[in-house]
Amino acid sequence: MRNIPVDVSALTFVCVSPPRPKLINQDTGEVKVDRNGQTVYTVGLSAADESGRVELVNVAVSGDPGVAIGQVVTPVGLVGFPWEQHINGRMRWGIAYRAEQIVPAAPVMPVDSSASTPAA
């Protein structure tokens, strides 16, 4: 599969569903692990651009990223890759997302409107 890098610089991501282990098999509860034996988690994120358009994406990441609902985050090394699946004669397809890490975003410093500006 071809990984497509995602430029996250113009997007704001908010955690909308908590990290949960990704299941390989819903019936048995078998959890997916990466090559190093770490559990793969899925985190639901909203991705908003400057125009206000919002998309919901599920992002896979190795290891529990320790983020919470409502937290502004940054997916590091985010890539998308196309997938397709044939079940019962029907084809499903989409784009899956994976990140190296999901980290809290740097805090935005509030503008102090009470501060006076020096006179020229």
C-alpha atoms as a PDB file:
ATOM      1  CA  MET A   1       0.000   0.000   0.000  1.00  0.00           C
ATOM      2  CA  ARG A   2       1.103   3.504  -0.676  1.00  0.00           C
ATOM      3  CA  ASN A   3       1.271   5.896   2.273  1.00  0.00           C
ATOM      4  CA  ILE A   4       0.301   9.475   1.498  1.00  0.00           C
ATOM      5  CA  PRO A   5       1.771  12.101   3.878  1.00  0.00           C
ATOM      6  CA  VAL A   6      -0.803  14.526   5.306  1.00  0.00           C
ATOM      7  CA  ASP A   7       0.174  18.178   5.816  1.00  0.00           C
ATOM      8  CA  VAL A   8      -1.299  18.997   9.227  1.00  0.00           C
ATOM      9  CA  SER A   9       0.063  22.560   9.404  1.00  0.00           C
ATOM     10  CA  ALA A  10      -3.217  24.205   8.303  1.00  0.00           C
ATOM     11  CA  LEU A  11      -5.485  21.961  10.396  1.00  0.00           C
ATOM     12  CA  THR A  12      -6.623  21.953  14.008  1.00  0.00           C
ATOM     13  CA  PHE A  13      -7.257  18.539  15.545  1.00  0.00           C
ATOM     14  CA  VAL A  14      -9.443  17.872  18.581  1.00  0.00           C
ATOM     15  CA  CYS A  15      -9.819  14.470  20.252  1.00  0.00           C
ATOM     16  CA  VAL A  16     -13.504  13.471  19.963  1.00  0.00           C
ATOM     17  CA  SER A  17     -13.289   9.839  21.078  1.00  0.00           C
ATOM     18  CA  PRO A  18     -10.828   8.391  23.571  1.00  0.00           C
ATOM     19  CA  PRO A  19      -8.004   6.047  22.561  1.00  0.00           C
ATOM     20  CA  ARG A  20      -9.193   2.449  22.407  1.00  0.00           C
ATOM     21  CA  PRO A  21      -7.320  -0.701  21.402  1.00  0.00           C
ATOM     22  CA  LYS A  22      -7.871  -1.588  17.740  1.00  0.00           C
ATOM     23  CA  LEU A  23      -9.484  -4.998  17.364  1.00  0.00           C
ATOM     24  CA  ILE A  24      -8.486  -7.534  14.722  1.00  0.00           C
ATOM     25  CA  ASN A  25     -11.504  -9.702  15.441  1.00  0.00           C
ATOM     26  CA  GLN A  26     -14.703  -8.305  16.965  1.00  0.00           C
ATOM     27  CA  ASP A  27     -15.923 -11.783  17.952  1.00  0.00           C
ATOM     28  CA  THR A  28     -12.812 -12.887  19.852  1.00  0.00           C
ATOM     29  CA  GLY A  29     -11.684  -9.468  21.049  1.00  0.00           C
ATOM     30  CA  GLU A  30      -8.197 -10.026  19.612  1.00  0.00           C
ATOM     31  CA  VAL A  31      -6.245  -6.769  19.802  1.00  0.00           C
ATOM     32  CA  LYS A  32      -3.947  -5.549  17.019  1.00  0.00           C
ATOM     33  CA  VAL A  33      -0.252  -5.125  17.851  1.00  0.00           C
ATOM     34  CA  ASP A  34       2.553  -3.564  15.818  1.00  0.00           C
ATOM     35  CA  ARG A  35       5.878  -5.156  14.857  1.00  0.00           C
ATOM     36  CA  ASN A  36       7.318  -4.311  18.260  1.00  0.00           C
ATOM     37  CA  GLY A  37       4.443  -5.898  20.168  1.00  0.00           C
ATOM     38  CA  GLN A  38       2.857  -2.580  21.167  1.00  0.00           C
ATOM     39  CA  THR A  39      -0.938  -2.370  21.173  1.00  0.00           C
ATOM     40  CA  VAL A  40      -2.330  -0.283  18.304  1.00  0.00           C
ATOM     41  CA  TYR A  41      -4.918   2.272  19.432  1.00  0.00           C
ATOM     42  CA  THR A  42      -7.575   4.105  17.442  1.00  0.00           C
ATOM     43  CA  VAL A  43      -8.290   7.734  18.333  1.00  0.00           C
ATOM     44  CA  GLY A  44     -11.221   9.707  16.908  1.00  0.00           C
ATOM     45  CA  LEU A  45     -10.183  13.206  15.859  1.00  0.00           C
ATOM     46  CA  SER A  46     -11.989  16.130  14.301  1.00  0.00           C
ATOM     47  CA  ALA A  47      -9.872  17.957  11.744  1.00  0.00           C
ATOM     48  CA  ALA A  48     -10.883  21.565  11.072  1.00  0.00           C
ATOM     49  CA  ASP A  49      -9.413  23.928   8.501  1.00  0.00           C
ATOM     50  CA  GLU A  50      -9.367  27.742   8.579  1.00  0.00           C
ATOM     51  CA  SER A  51     -12.630  27.990   6.607  1.00  0.00           C
ATOM     52  CA  GLY A  52     -14.457  25.972   9.272  1.00  0.00           C
ATOM     53  CA  ARG A  53     -14.789  22.728   7.323  1.00  0.00           C
ATOM     54  CA  VAL A  54     -14.600  19.772   9.715  1.00  0.00           C
ATOM     55  CA  GLU A  55     -13.935  16.110   8.976  1.00  0.00           C
ATOM     56  CA  LEU A  56     -13.965  13.257  11.461  1.00  0.00           C
ATOM     57  CA  VAL A  57     -11.094  10.786  11.154  1.00  0.00           C
ATOM     58  CA  ASN A  58     -10.020   7.728  13.097  1.00  0.00           C
ATOM     59  CA  VAL A  59      -6.256   7.632  13.482  1.00  0.00           C
ATOM     60  CA  ALA A  60      -4.281   4.515  14.429  1.00  0.00           C
ATOM     61  CA  VAL A  61      -1.211   4.922  16.618  1.00  0.00           C
ATOM     62  CA  SER A  62       1.102   2.456  18.390  1.00  0.00           C
ATOM     63  CA  GLY A  63       0.913   2.735  22.158  1.00  0.00           C
ATOM     64  CA  ASP A  64      -1.628   4.642  24.239  1.00  0.00           C
ATOM     65  CA  PRO A  65      -1.211   8.321  23.331  1.00  0.00           C
ATOM     66  CA  GLY A  66      -2.741   9.435  26.650  1.00  0.00           C
ATOM     67  CA  VAL A  67      -5.048  12.083  25.179  1.00  0.00           C
ATOM     68  CA  ALA A  68      -8.560  12.933  26.344  1.00  0.00           C
ATOM     69  CA  ILE A  69     -11.808  14.035  24.725  1.00  0.00           C
ATOM     70  CA  GLY A  70     -11.802  17.772  24.033  1.00  0.00           C
ATOM     71  CA  GLN A  71      -8.027  18.055  24.010  1.00  0.00           C
ATOM     72  CA  VAL A  72      -6.410  19.874  21.084  1.00  0.00           C
ATOM     73  CA  VAL A  73      -3.768  17.535  19.662  1.00  0.00           C
ATOM     74  CA  THR A  74      -1.253  17.190  16.852  1.00  0.00           C
ATOM     75  CA  PRO A  75      -0.870  13.918  14.937  1.00  0.00           C
ATOM     76  CA  VAL A  76       2.857  13.569  14.227  1.00  0.00           C
ATOM     77  CA  GLY A  77       3.847  11.794  11.001  1.00  0.00           C
ATOM     78  CA  LEU A  78       0.229  11.465   9.836  1.00  0.00           C
ATOM     79  CA  VAL A  79      -0.262   9.416   6.673  1.00  0.00           C
ATOM     80  CA  GLY A  80      -3.314   8.212   4.821  1.00  0.00           C
ATOM     81  CA  PHE A  81      -3.573   5.062   2.782  1.00  0.00           C
ATOM     82  CA  PRO A  82      -6.378   3.755   0.581  1.00  0.00           C
ATOM     83  CA  TRP A  83      -8.043   0.434   1.377  1.00  0.00           C
ATOM     84  CA  GLU A  84     -10.735  -1.744  -0.118  1.00  0.00           C
ATOM     85  CA  GLN A  85     -12.560  -4.800   1.122  1.00  0.00           C
ATOM     86  CA  HIS A  86     -14.944  -7.276  -0.492  1.00  0.00           C
ATOM     87  CA  ILE A  87     -17.591  -8.719   1.837  1.00  0.00           C
ATOM     88  CA  ASN A  88     -20.592 -10.724   0.642  1.00  0.00           C
ATOM     89  CA  GLY A  89     -20.102  -9.546  -2.925  1.00  0.00           C
ATOM     90  CA  ARG A  90     -20.034  -5.876  -1.957  1.00  0.00           C
ATOM     91  CA  MET A  91     -16.987  -3.670  -2.167  1.00  0.00           C
ATOM     92  CA  ARG A  92     -16.180  -1.147   0.570  1.00  0.00           C
ATOM     93  CA  TRP A  93     -13.336   1.323   0.324  1.00  0.00           C
ATOM     94  CA  GLY A  94     -11.927   4.370   2.042  1.00  0.00           C
ATOM     95  CA  ILE A  95      -8.851   6.045   3.426  1.00  0.00           C
ATOM     96  CA  ALA A  96      -7.315   4.900   6.709  1.00  0.00           C
ATOM     97  CA  TYR A  97      -5.026   7.122   8.768  1.00  0.00           C
ATOM     98  CA  ARG A  98      -2.004   6.311  10.905  1.00  0.00           C
ATOM     99  CA  ALA A  99       0.311   8.553  12.920  1.00  0.00           C
ATOM    100  CA  GLU A 100       3.663   7.985  14.580  1.00  0.00           C
ATOM    101  CA  GLN A 101       2.321   9.804  17.661  1.00  0.00           C
ATOM    102  CA  ILE A 102      -0.608  11.912  18.801  1.00  0.00           C
ATOM    103  CA  VAL A 103       0.596  14.619  21.168  1.00  0.00           C
ATOM    104  CA  PRO A 104      -1.076  17.540  22.948  1.00  0.00           C
ATOM    105  CA  ALA A 105      -0.850  20.701  20.842  1.00  0.00           C
ATOM    106  CA  ALA A 106       1.304  23.549  22.039  1.00  0.00           C
ATOM    107  CA  PRO A 107      -0.786  25.889  24.180  1.00  0.00           C
ATOM    108  CA  VAL A 108      -1.927  29.080  22.493  1.00  0.00           C
ATOM    109  CA  MET A 109      -0.856  32.126  24.434  1.00  0.00           C
ATOM    110  CA  PRO A 110      -3.821  34.450  25.072  1.00  0.00           C
ATOM    111  CA  VAL A 111      -3.481  38.041  23.953  1.00  0.00           C
ATOM    112  CA  ASP A 112      -3.510  40.400  26.923  1.00  0.00           C
ATOM    113  CA  SER A 113      -5.764  43.259  25.839  1.00  0.00           C
ATOM    114  CA  SER A 114      -5.124  45.172  29.053  1.00  0.00           C
ATOM    115  CA  ALA A 115      -1.447  45.648  28.277  1.00  0.00           C
ATOM    116  CA  SER A 116      -0.666  49.100  26.996  1.00  0.00           C
ATOM    117  CA  THR A 117       1.518  49.669  24.000  1.00  0.00           C
ATOM    118  CA  PRO A 118       4.424  52.063  24.300  1.00  0.00           C
ATOM    119  CA  ALA A 119       3.876  55.487  22.779  1.00  0.00           C
ATOM    120  CA  ALA A 120       6.027  56.372  19.826  1.00  0.00           C
END
